[in-house]
Amino acid sequence: MFYEPGKTDHGLPNDPFKACVIPRPIGWISTLSSSTGTANLAPYSQFNNLTFDPPYIMFSANQTPTASQKDTVKNVEASGVFCWNLATYELREEVNITAEGVGSHVDEFAHAKLEKENSSMSFVTVREEGKKERKEPVPMVKRSPIKFECTHYSTLRLPGNPPMGAVDVVIGRVVGIHIDERVLTNGKIDVKKTEPIARCGYFQYAVVRDVFEMRIPGEGLMEGLEGSVKGNRGMWEKMGVAGASKKDEKEGKEETVVGI
């Protein structure tokens, strides 16, 4: 079969597009409103990492049916920070609850009965009307075994058809990583212990409990496949450009400001 999306009919009982690109990791994103201090938590199935030295991640959020940005995007752009929490099989029901469309005044952590854990370095300046200005940490899901703290890098708006076609692609730089040591085996994150869930097509999800290993023939790609910062910078030094890298670092070009 062949069809042109939005132009010709695919002839199937359900639209197949999202079922073609699977499984998709879930961006369970937590933010804090800089105007009210209300915590927000929501899952996004268009999510992934982009690179590793330094690490960047992205998630895309469709506009609301009223053609406005999601609360998550508003909070990220206003505060400059957000956190990612690994969505696991154990927390699948809570992930689903936080996908519900509720008002911006609702704390989704409380709505899903999830205990919060404060971020270590991501703070939001809350300027609530009638109250004294204060700094608060971005909350994370305490029971999630892996969490990222991120700074907002950029937002790309992709046009689309109403009411939900347009999308905000949010890119963030990972500046802090939390890993529960209970999910480590021999110094590696054990997928059998984390049991991450992923979005499939239609209303289906998958849970990862088994893996297999393959290595690309040849040399020079392993650092990238692993995402090894140490290995990548070692290759850089071998190429004779370590001096430039250290100079940039000394001049503050790698400086990261977390939160506003």
C-alpha atoms as a PDB file:
ATOM      1  CA  MET A   1       0.000   0.000   0.000  1.00  0.00           C
ATOM      2  CA  PHE A   2       1.002   3.633  -0.411  1.00  0.00           C
ATOM      3  CA  TYR A   3      -0.617   6.875   0.678  1.00  0.00           C
ATOM      4  CA  GLU A   4       0.254  10.540   1.007  1.00  0.00           C
ATOM      5  CA  PRO A   5      -0.365  11.728   4.587  1.00  0.00           C
ATOM      6  CA  GLY A   6      -3.116  14.319   4.716  1.00  0.00           C
ATOM      7  CA  LYS A   7      -3.747  14.045   0.986  1.00  0.00           C
ATOM      8  CA  THR A   8      -4.851  10.508   0.161  1.00  0.00           C
ATOM      9  CA  ASP A   9      -6.715   8.005   2.308  1.00  0.00           C
ATOM     10  CA  HIS A  10      -4.648   5.120   3.753  1.00  0.00           C
ATOM     11  CA  GLY A  11      -7.735   2.914   3.735  1.00  0.00           C
ATOM     12  CA  LEU A  12      -7.015   1.448   7.183  1.00  0.00           C
ATOM     13  CA  PRO A  13      -9.330   1.588  10.206  1.00  0.00           C
ATOM     14  CA  ASN A  14      -6.667   3.502  12.193  1.00  0.00           C
ATOM     15  CA  ASP A  15      -3.951   5.940  11.123  1.00  0.00           C
ATOM     16  CA  PRO A  16      -0.677   3.945  10.884  1.00  0.00           C
ATOM     17  CA  PHE A  17       1.933   6.744  11.098  1.00  0.00           C
ATOM     18  CA  LYS A  18       2.786   6.605  14.807  1.00  0.00           C
ATOM     19  CA  ALA A  19       2.771   2.803  14.710  1.00  0.00           C
ATOM     20  CA  CYS A  20       5.547   2.892  12.109  1.00  0.00           C
ATOM     21  CA  VAL A  21       8.132   4.520  14.367  1.00  0.00           C
ATOM     22  CA  ILE A  22       8.356   2.335  17.463  1.00  0.00           C
ATOM     23  CA  PRO A  23       9.256   1.914  20.200  1.00  0.00           C
ATOM     24  CA  ARG A  24       9.621   5.540  21.265  1.00  0.00           C
ATOM     25  CA  PRO A  25      11.154   6.418  24.653  1.00  0.00           C
ATOM     26  CA  ILE A  26       8.989   8.563  26.878  1.00  0.00           C
ATOM     27  CA  GLY A  27       9.957  12.059  27.927  1.00  0.00           C
ATOM     28  CA  TRP A  28       8.428  12.289  31.404  1.00  0.00           C
ATOM     29  CA  ILE A  29       9.119  15.987  31.900  1.00  0.00           C
ATOM     30  CA  SER A  30       8.798  17.861  35.193  1.00  0.00           C
ATOM     31  CA  THR A  31       8.758  21.652  35.412  1.00  0.00           C
ATOM     32  CA  LEU A  32       7.791  24.441  37.777  1.00  0.00           C
ATOM     33  CA  SER A  33       5.714  27.511  36.999  1.00  0.00           C
ATOM     34  CA  SER A  34       7.668  30.717  37.588  1.00  0.00           C
ATOM     35  CA  SER A  35       4.442  32.680  38.145  1.00  0.00           C
ATOM     36  CA  THR A  36       2.653  30.387  40.615  1.00  0.00           C
ATOM     37  CA  GLY A  37       5.222  27.827  41.816  1.00  0.00           C
ATOM     38  CA  THR A  38       2.916  24.987  40.697  1.00  0.00           C
ATOM     39  CA  ALA A  39       4.660  21.741  39.747  1.00  0.00           C
ATOM     40  CA  ASN A  40       3.921  20.182  36.365  1.00  0.00           C
ATOM     41  CA  LEU A  41       4.605  16.618  35.192  1.00  0.00           C
ATOM     42  CA  ALA A  42       3.698  15.221  31.776  1.00  0.00           C
ATOM     43  CA  PRO A  43       4.824  12.411  29.428  1.00  0.00           C
ATOM     44  CA  TYR A  44       5.824  13.046  25.799  1.00  0.00           C
ATOM     45  CA  SER A  45       6.341  10.157  23.400  1.00  0.00           C
ATOM     46  CA  GLN A  46       8.299  12.192  20.857  1.00  0.00           C
ATOM     47  CA  PHE A  47      11.468  12.234  22.948  1.00  0.00           C
ATOM     48  CA  ASN A  48      15.114  11.242  22.578  1.00  0.00           C
ATOM     49  CA  ASN A  49      18.744  12.115  23.234  1.00  0.00           C
ATOM     50  CA  LEU A  50      20.591  14.066  20.548  1.00  0.00           C
ATOM     51  CA  THR A  51      24.284  13.866  21.396  1.00  0.00           C
ATOM     52  CA  PHE A  52      26.491  13.090  24.381  1.00  0.00           C
ATOM     53  CA  ASP A  53      29.449  15.507  24.761  1.00  0.00           C
ATOM     54  CA  PRO A  54      27.858  17.597  26.085  1.00  0.00           C
ATOM     55  CA  PRO A  55      24.578  15.654  26.325  1.00  0.00           C
ATOM     56  CA  TYR A  56      21.406  17.132  24.844  1.00  0.00           C
ATOM     57  CA  ILE A  57      17.867  15.774  24.810  1.00  0.00           C
ATOM     58  CA  MET A  58      14.684  16.841  23.043  1.00  0.00           C
ATOM     59  CA  PHE A  59      10.960  16.418  23.373  1.00  0.00           C
ATOM     60  CA  SER A  60       8.135  17.713  21.209  1.00  0.00           C
ATOM     61  CA  ALA A  61       4.820  18.945  22.557  1.00  0.00           C
ATOM     62  CA  ASN A  62       1.804  19.453  20.336  1.00  0.00           C
ATOM     63  CA  GLN A  63      -0.209  22.595  20.868  1.00  0.00           C
ATOM     64  CA  THR A  64      -3.426  22.378  22.854  1.00  0.00           C
ATOM     65  CA  PRO A  65      -6.793  22.245  21.027  1.00  0.00           C
ATOM     66  CA  THR A  66      -7.027  26.009  21.699  1.00  0.00           C
ATOM     67  CA  ALA A  67      -3.791  26.543  19.703  1.00  0.00           C
ATOM     68  CA  SER A  68      -1.680  27.485  22.726  1.00  0.00           C
ATOM     69  CA  GLN A  69       1.530  26.015  24.116  1.00  0.00           C
ATOM     70  CA  LYS A  70       1.440  23.195  26.644  1.00  0.00           C
ATOM     71  CA  ASP A  71       2.123  24.154  30.273  1.00  0.00           C
ATOM     72  CA  THR A  72       5.388  22.206  30.105  1.00  0.00           C
ATOM     73  CA  VAL A  73       6.732  24.361  27.265  1.00  0.00           C
ATOM     74  CA  LYS A  74       5.553  27.581  28.893  1.00  0.00           C
ATOM     75  CA  ASN A  75       7.306  26.645  32.130  1.00  0.00           C
ATOM     76  CA  VAL A  76      10.536  25.627  30.389  1.00  0.00           C
ATOM     77  CA  GLU A  77      10.755  28.837  28.365  1.00  0.00           C
ATOM     78  CA  ALA A  78       9.925  31.038  31.358  1.00  0.00           C
ATOM     79  CA  SER A  79      12.274  29.352  33.856  1.00  0.00           C
ATOM     80  CA  GLY A  80      15.052  28.032  31.606  1.00  0.00           C
ATOM     81  CA  VAL A  81      15.154  24.628  33.326  1.00  0.00           C
ATOM     82  CA  PHE A  82      13.381  21.260  33.386  1.00  0.00           C
ATOM     83  CA  CYS A  83      13.935  17.659  34.467  1.00  0.00           C
ATOM     84  CA  TRP A  84      13.444  14.316  32.758  1.00  0.00           C
ATOM     85  CA  ASN A  85      12.342  11.246  34.728  1.00  0.00           C
ATOM     86  CA  LEU A  86      12.666   7.677  33.424  1.00  0.00           C
ATOM     87  CA  ALA A  87       9.209   6.164  32.854  1.00  0.00           C
ATOM     88  CA  THR A  88       9.233   2.595  34.173  1.00  0.00           C
ATOM     89  CA  TYR A  89       6.832  -0.339  34.176  1.00  0.00           C
ATOM     90  CA  GLU A  90       6.388   0.036  37.923  1.00  0.00           C
ATOM     91  CA  LEU A  91       5.261   3.640  37.377  1.00  0.00           C
ATOM     92  CA  ARG A  92       3.168   3.008  34.251  1.00  0.00           C
ATOM     93  CA  GLU A  93      -0.164   3.940  35.875  1.00  0.00           C
ATOM     94  CA  GLU A  94       1.277   7.177  37.236  1.00  0.00           C
ATOM     95  CA  VAL A  95       2.713   8.013  33.807  1.00  0.00           C
ATOM     96  CA  ASN A  96      -0.743   7.518  32.333  1.00  0.00           C
ATOM     97  CA  ILE A  97      -2.415   9.691  34.972  1.00  0.00           C
ATOM     98  CA  THR A  98      -0.016  12.560  34.296  1.00  0.00           C
ATOM     99  CA  ALA A  99      -0.945  12.410  30.601  1.00  0.00           C
ATOM    100  CA  GLU A 100      -4.424  13.664  31.479  1.00  0.00           C
ATOM    101  CA  GLY A 101      -5.190  17.194  30.365  1.00  0.00           C
ATOM    102  CA  VAL A 102      -5.761  19.179  33.552  1.00  0.00           C
ATOM    103  CA  GLY A 103      -5.608  22.882  34.382  1.00  0.00           C
ATOM    104  CA  SER A 104      -2.318  24.696  34.916  1.00  0.00           C
ATOM    105  CA  HIS A 105      -3.257  25.172  38.572  1.00  0.00           C
ATOM    106  CA  VAL A 106      -3.137  21.393  39.175  1.00  0.00           C
ATOM    107  CA  ASP A 107       0.007  19.836  40.645  1.00  0.00           C
ATOM    108  CA  GLU A 108       0.346  16.611  38.620  1.00  0.00           C
ATOM    109  CA  PHE A 109       2.607  15.065  41.266  1.00  0.00           C
ATOM    110  CA  ALA A 110      -0.229  15.346  43.784  1.00  0.00           C
ATOM    111  CA  HIS A 111      -2.777  14.342  41.130  1.00  0.00           C
ATOM    112  CA  ALA A 112      -0.867  11.076  40.483  1.00  0.00           C
ATOM    113  CA  LYS A 113       0.053  10.655  44.191  1.00  0.00           C
ATOM    114  CA  LEU A 114       3.779  10.782  43.420  1.00  0.00           C
ATOM    115  CA  GLU A 115       6.392  11.755  45.981  1.00  0.00           C
ATOM    116  CA  LYS A 116       8.722  14.548  44.909  1.00  0.00           C
ATOM    117  CA  GLU A 117      12.496  14.728  45.063  1.00  0.00           C
ATOM    118  CA  ASN A 118      14.181  18.109  44.774  1.00  0.00           C
ATOM    119  CA  SER A 119      16.615  18.748  41.949  1.00  0.00           C
ATOM    120  CA  SER A 120      20.189  19.480  42.997  1.00  0.00           C
ATOM    121  CA  MET A 121      21.056  22.416  40.737  1.00  0.00           C
ATOM    122  CA  SER A 122      17.922  23.443  38.811  1.00  0.00           C
ATOM    123  CA  PHE A 123      16.085  26.309  40.500  1.00  0.00           C
ATOM    124  CA  VAL A 124      13.226  28.545  39.408  1.00  0.00           C
ATOM    125  CA  THR A 125      12.691  32.110  40.586  1.00  0.00           C
ATOM    126  CA  VAL A 126       8.996  32.231  41.467  1.00  0.00           C
ATOM    127  CA  ARG A 127       7.416  35.671  41.230  1.00  0.00           C
ATOM    128  CA  GLU A 128       3.917  34.950  42.515  1.00  0.00           C
ATOM    129  CA  GLU A 129       1.618  37.957  42.616  1.00  0.00           C
ATOM    130  CA  GLY A 130       1.230  39.378  46.098  1.00  0.00           C
ATOM    131  CA  LYS A 131       4.025  37.244  47.550  1.00  0.00           C
ATOM    132  CA  LYS A 132       7.735  37.658  48.134  1.00  0.00           C
ATOM    133  CA  GLU A 133      10.004  36.428  45.337  1.00  0.00           C
ATOM    134  CA  ARG A 134      11.533  33.022  46.089  1.00  0.00           C
ATOM    135  CA  LYS A 135      13.717  30.352  44.522  1.00  0.00           C
ATOM    136  CA  GLU A 136      12.426  26.786  44.373  1.00  0.00           C
ATOM    137  CA  PRO A 137      13.971  23.562  42.994  1.00  0.00           C
ATOM    138  CA  VAL A 138      12.358  21.755  40.089  1.00  0.00           C
ATOM    139  CA  PRO A 139      10.702  18.618  41.510  1.00  0.00           C
ATOM    140  CA  MET A 140      11.563  15.154  40.188  1.00  0.00           C
ATOM    141  CA  VAL A 141       9.799  11.793  40.557  1.00  0.00           C
ATOM    142  CA  LYS A 142      11.434  10.212  43.605  1.00  0.00           C
ATOM    143  CA  ARG A 143      10.590   6.620  42.589  1.00  0.00           C
ATOM    144  CA  SER A 144      12.041   7.025  39.104  1.00  0.00           C
ATOM    145  CA  PRO A 145      15.512   5.418  39.121  1.00  0.00           C
ATOM    146  CA  ILE A 146      17.113   7.812  36.614  1.00  0.00           C
ATOM    147  CA  LYS A 147      16.638  11.565  36.342  1.00  0.00           C
ATOM    148  CA  PHE A 148      18.212  14.335  34.254  1.00  0.00           C
ATOM    149  CA  GLU A 149      18.447  18.007  35.166  1.00  0.00           C
ATOM    150  CA  CYS A 150      18.425  20.186  32.052  1.00  0.00           C
ATOM    151  CA  THR A 151      18.785  23.766  30.918  1.00  0.00           C
ATOM    152  CA  HIS A 152      16.694  25.075  28.035  1.00  0.00           C
ATOM    153  CA  TYR A 153      18.747  25.473  24.864  1.00  0.00           C
ATOM    154  CA  SER A 154      16.149  26.295  22.202  1.00  0.00           C
ATOM    155  CA  THR A 155      12.598  25.722  20.994  1.00  0.00           C
ATOM    156  CA  LEU A 156      11.732  25.019  17.379  1.00  0.00           C
ATOM    157  CA  ARG A 157       8.133  25.549  16.265  1.00  0.00           C
ATOM    158  CA  LEU A 158       6.981  23.202  13.501  1.00  0.00           C
ATOM    159  CA  PRO A 159       3.834  24.317  11.672  1.00  0.00           C
ATOM    160  CA  GLY A 160       0.875  21.987  11.368  1.00  0.00           C
ATOM    161  CA  ASN A 161      -2.864  21.773  10.988  1.00  0.00           C
ATOM    162  CA  PRO A 162      -5.181  22.782  13.839  1.00  0.00           C
ATOM    163  CA  PRO A 163      -6.189  21.962  16.434  1.00  0.00           C
ATOM    164  CA  MET A 164      -3.065  19.989  17.442  1.00  0.00           C
ATOM    165  CA  GLY A 165      -0.824  19.773  14.381  1.00  0.00           C
ATOM    166  CA  ALA A 166       1.671  22.486  15.309  1.00  0.00           C
ATOM    167  CA  VAL A 167       4.414  21.312  17.659  1.00  0.00           C
ATOM    168  CA  ASP A 168       7.099  22.838  19.870  1.00  0.00           C
ATOM    169  CA  VAL A 169      10.379  20.907  19.732  1.00  0.00           C
ATOM    170  CA  VAL A 170      12.200  21.699  22.977  1.00  0.00           C
ATOM    171  CA  ILE A 171      15.952  21.043  23.189  1.00  0.00           C
ATOM    172  CA  GLY A 172      17.729  20.985  26.527  1.00  0.00           C
ATOM    173  CA  ARG A 173      21.286  20.468  27.686  1.00  0.00           C
ATOM    174  CA  VAL A 174      21.716  17.822  30.395  1.00  0.00           C
ATOM    175  CA  VAL A 175      23.702  19.346  33.264  1.00  0.00           C
ATOM    176  CA  GLY A 176      23.036  16.799  36.021  1.00  0.00           C
ATOM    177  CA  ILE A 177      22.287  13.056  36.076  1.00  0.00           C
ATOM    178  CA  HIS A 178      20.834  11.095  39.002  1.00  0.00           C
ATOM    179  CA  ILE A 179      21.129   7.275  38.952  1.00  0.00           C
ATOM    180  CA  ASP A 180      19.828   4.988  41.706  1.00  0.00           C
ATOM    181  CA  GLU A 181      22.655   2.545  42.454  1.00  0.00           C
ATOM    182  CA  ARG A 182      20.080  -0.235  42.853  1.00  0.00           C
ATOM    183  CA  VAL A 183      19.650  -0.371  39.052  1.00  0.00           C
ATOM    184  CA  LEU A 184      23.378  -0.942  38.423  1.00  0.00           C
ATOM    185  CA  THR A 185      24.923  -4.336  37.688  1.00  0.00           C
ATOM    186  CA  ASN A 186      28.706  -4.549  37.318  1.00  0.00           C
ATOM    187  CA  GLY A 187      28.887  -0.796  36.867  1.00  0.00           C
ATOM    188  CA  LYS A 188      26.288  -0.656  34.075  1.00  0.00           C
ATOM    189  CA  ILE A 189      22.641   0.380  34.076  1.00  0.00           C
ATOM    190  CA  ASP A 190      20.677  -2.879  34.036  1.00  0.00           C
ATOM    191  CA  VAL A 191      17.582  -2.683  31.844  1.00  0.00           C
ATOM    192  CA  LYS A 192      16.153  -5.706  33.657  1.00  0.00           C
ATOM    193  CA  LYS A 193      16.146  -3.582  36.808  1.00  0.00           C
ATOM    194  CA  THR A 194      14.892  -0.316  35.315  1.00  0.00           C
ATOM    195  CA  GLU A 195      12.226  -1.908  33.068  1.00  0.00           C
ATOM    196  CA  PRO A 196      11.649   1.243  30.971  1.00  0.00           C
ATOM    197  CA  ILE A 197       8.396   1.554  29.089  1.00  0.00           C
ATOM    198  CA  ALA A 198       8.121   2.873  25.542  1.00  0.00           C
ATOM    199  CA  ARG A 199       5.305   4.184  23.382  1.00  0.00           C
ATOM    200  CA  CYS A 200       4.182   2.070  20.441  1.00  0.00           C
ATOM    201  CA  GLY A 201       1.331   2.651  17.997  1.00  0.00           C
ATOM    202  CA  TYR A 202      -2.322   3.293  18.742  1.00  0.00           C
ATOM    203  CA  PHE A 203      -2.805   2.832  22.526  1.00  0.00           C
ATOM    204  CA  GLN A 204      -0.024   0.298  22.945  1.00  0.00           C
ATOM    205  CA  TYR A 205       3.123   0.416  25.068  1.00  0.00           C
ATOM    206  CA  ALA A 206       6.135  -1.864  25.416  1.00  0.00           C
ATOM    207  CA  VAL A 207       8.361  -2.730  28.358  1.00  0.00           C
ATOM    208  CA  VAL A 208      12.060  -3.509  27.839  1.00  0.00           C
ATOM    209  CA  ARG A 209      13.257  -6.507  29.822  1.00  0.00           C
ATOM    210  CA  ASP A 210      15.643  -8.208  27.397  1.00  0.00           C
ATOM    211  CA  VAL A 211      18.540  -6.942  25.283  1.00  0.00           C
ATOM    212  CA  PHE A 212      21.154  -8.307  22.876  1.00  0.00           C
ATOM    213  CA  GLU A 213      24.573  -6.930  21.978  1.00  0.00           C
ATOM    214  CA  MET A 214      26.224  -6.188  18.636  1.00  0.00           C
ATOM    215  CA  ARG A 215      29.462  -4.358  17.891  1.00  0.00           C
ATOM    216  CA  ILE A 216      30.154  -2.565  14.621  1.00  0.00           C
ATOM    217  CA  PRO A 217      33.199  -4.014  12.807  1.00  0.00           C
ATOM    218  CA  GLY A 218      36.308  -1.863  12.879  1.00  0.00           C
ATOM    219  CA  GLU A 219      37.589   0.720  15.318  1.00  0.00           C
ATOM    220  CA  GLY A 220      36.870   4.334  16.112  1.00  0.00           C
ATOM    221  CA  LEU A 221      33.098   4.108  16.605  1.00  0.00           C
ATOM    222  CA  MET A 222      32.838   2.522  20.041  1.00  0.00           C
ATOM    223  CA  GLU A 223      33.189   5.783  21.990  1.00  0.00           C
ATOM    224  CA  GLY A 224      30.307   7.275  20.067  1.00  0.00           C
ATOM    225  CA  LEU A 225      28.117   4.201  20.366  1.00  0.00           C
ATOM    226  CA  GLU A 226      28.719   4.048  24.103  1.00  0.00           C
ATOM    227  CA  GLY A 227      28.423   7.793  24.491  1.00  0.00           C
ATOM    228  CA  SER A 228      31.748   7.954  26.288  1.00  0.00           C
ATOM    229  CA  VAL A 229      32.763  11.527  27.096  1.00  0.00           C
ATOM    230  CA  LYS A 230      36.185  10.358  28.286  1.00  0.00           C
ATOM    231  CA  GLY A 231      36.738   8.311  25.119  1.00  0.00           C
ATOM    232  CA  ASN A 232      35.560  11.123  22.871  1.00  0.00           C
ATOM    233  CA  ARG A 233      37.876  13.675  24.468  1.00  0.00           C
ATOM    234  CA  GLY A 234      40.722  11.167  24.343  1.00  0.00           C
ATOM    235  CA  MET A 235      40.258  10.936  20.583  1.00  0.00           C
ATOM    236  CA  TRP A 236      40.224  14.750  20.444  1.00  0.00           C
ATOM    237  CA  GLU A 237      43.532  14.964  22.280  1.00  0.00           C
ATOM    238  CA  LYS A 238      45.106  12.400  19.964  1.00  0.00           C
ATOM    239  CA  MET A 239      44.175  14.630  17.055  1.00  0.00           C
ATOM    240  CA  GLY A 240      46.331  17.369  18.597  1.00  0.00           C
ATOM    241  CA  VAL A 241      43.640  19.880  19.462  1.00  0.00           C
ATOM    242  CA  ALA A 242      43.553  19.458  23.225  1.00  0.00           C
ATOM    243  CA  GLY A 243      45.102  22.895  23.704  1.00  0.00           C
ATOM    244  CA  ALA A 244      42.208  24.616  21.945  1.00  0.00           C
ATOM    245  CA  SER A 245      39.682  22.644  23.999  1.00  0.00           C
ATOM    246  CA  LYS A 246      41.343  23.584  27.283  1.00  0.00           C
ATOM    247  CA  LYS A 247      41.635  27.203  26.176  1.00  0.00           C
ATOM    248  CA  ASP A 248      37.900  27.387  25.466  1.00  0.00           C
ATOM    249  CA  GLU A 249      37.180  25.845  28.862  1.00  0.00           C
ATOM    250  CA  LYS A 250      39.446  28.367  30.606  1.00  0.00           C
ATOM    251  CA  GLU A 251      37.760  31.263  28.837  1.00  0.00           C
ATOM    252  CA  GLY A 252      34.390  30.100  30.121  1.00  0.00           C
ATOM    253  CA  LYS A 253      32.886  29.008  26.835  1.00  0.00           C
ATOM    254  CA  GLU A 254      31.602  25.847  28.499  1.00  0.00           C
ATOM    255  CA  GLU A 255      30.041  27.726  31.422  1.00  0.00           C
ATOM    256  CA  THR A 256      26.474  26.662  32.221  1.00  0.00           C
ATOM    257  CA  VAL A 257      23.959  28.906  33.970  1.00  0.00           C
ATOM    258  CA  VAL A 258      21.153  26.876  35.529  1.00  0.00           C
ATOM    259  CA  GLY A 259      17.842  28.628  36.010  1.00  0.00           C
ATOM    260  CA  ILE A 260      16.832  32.279  35.899  1.00  0.00           C
END
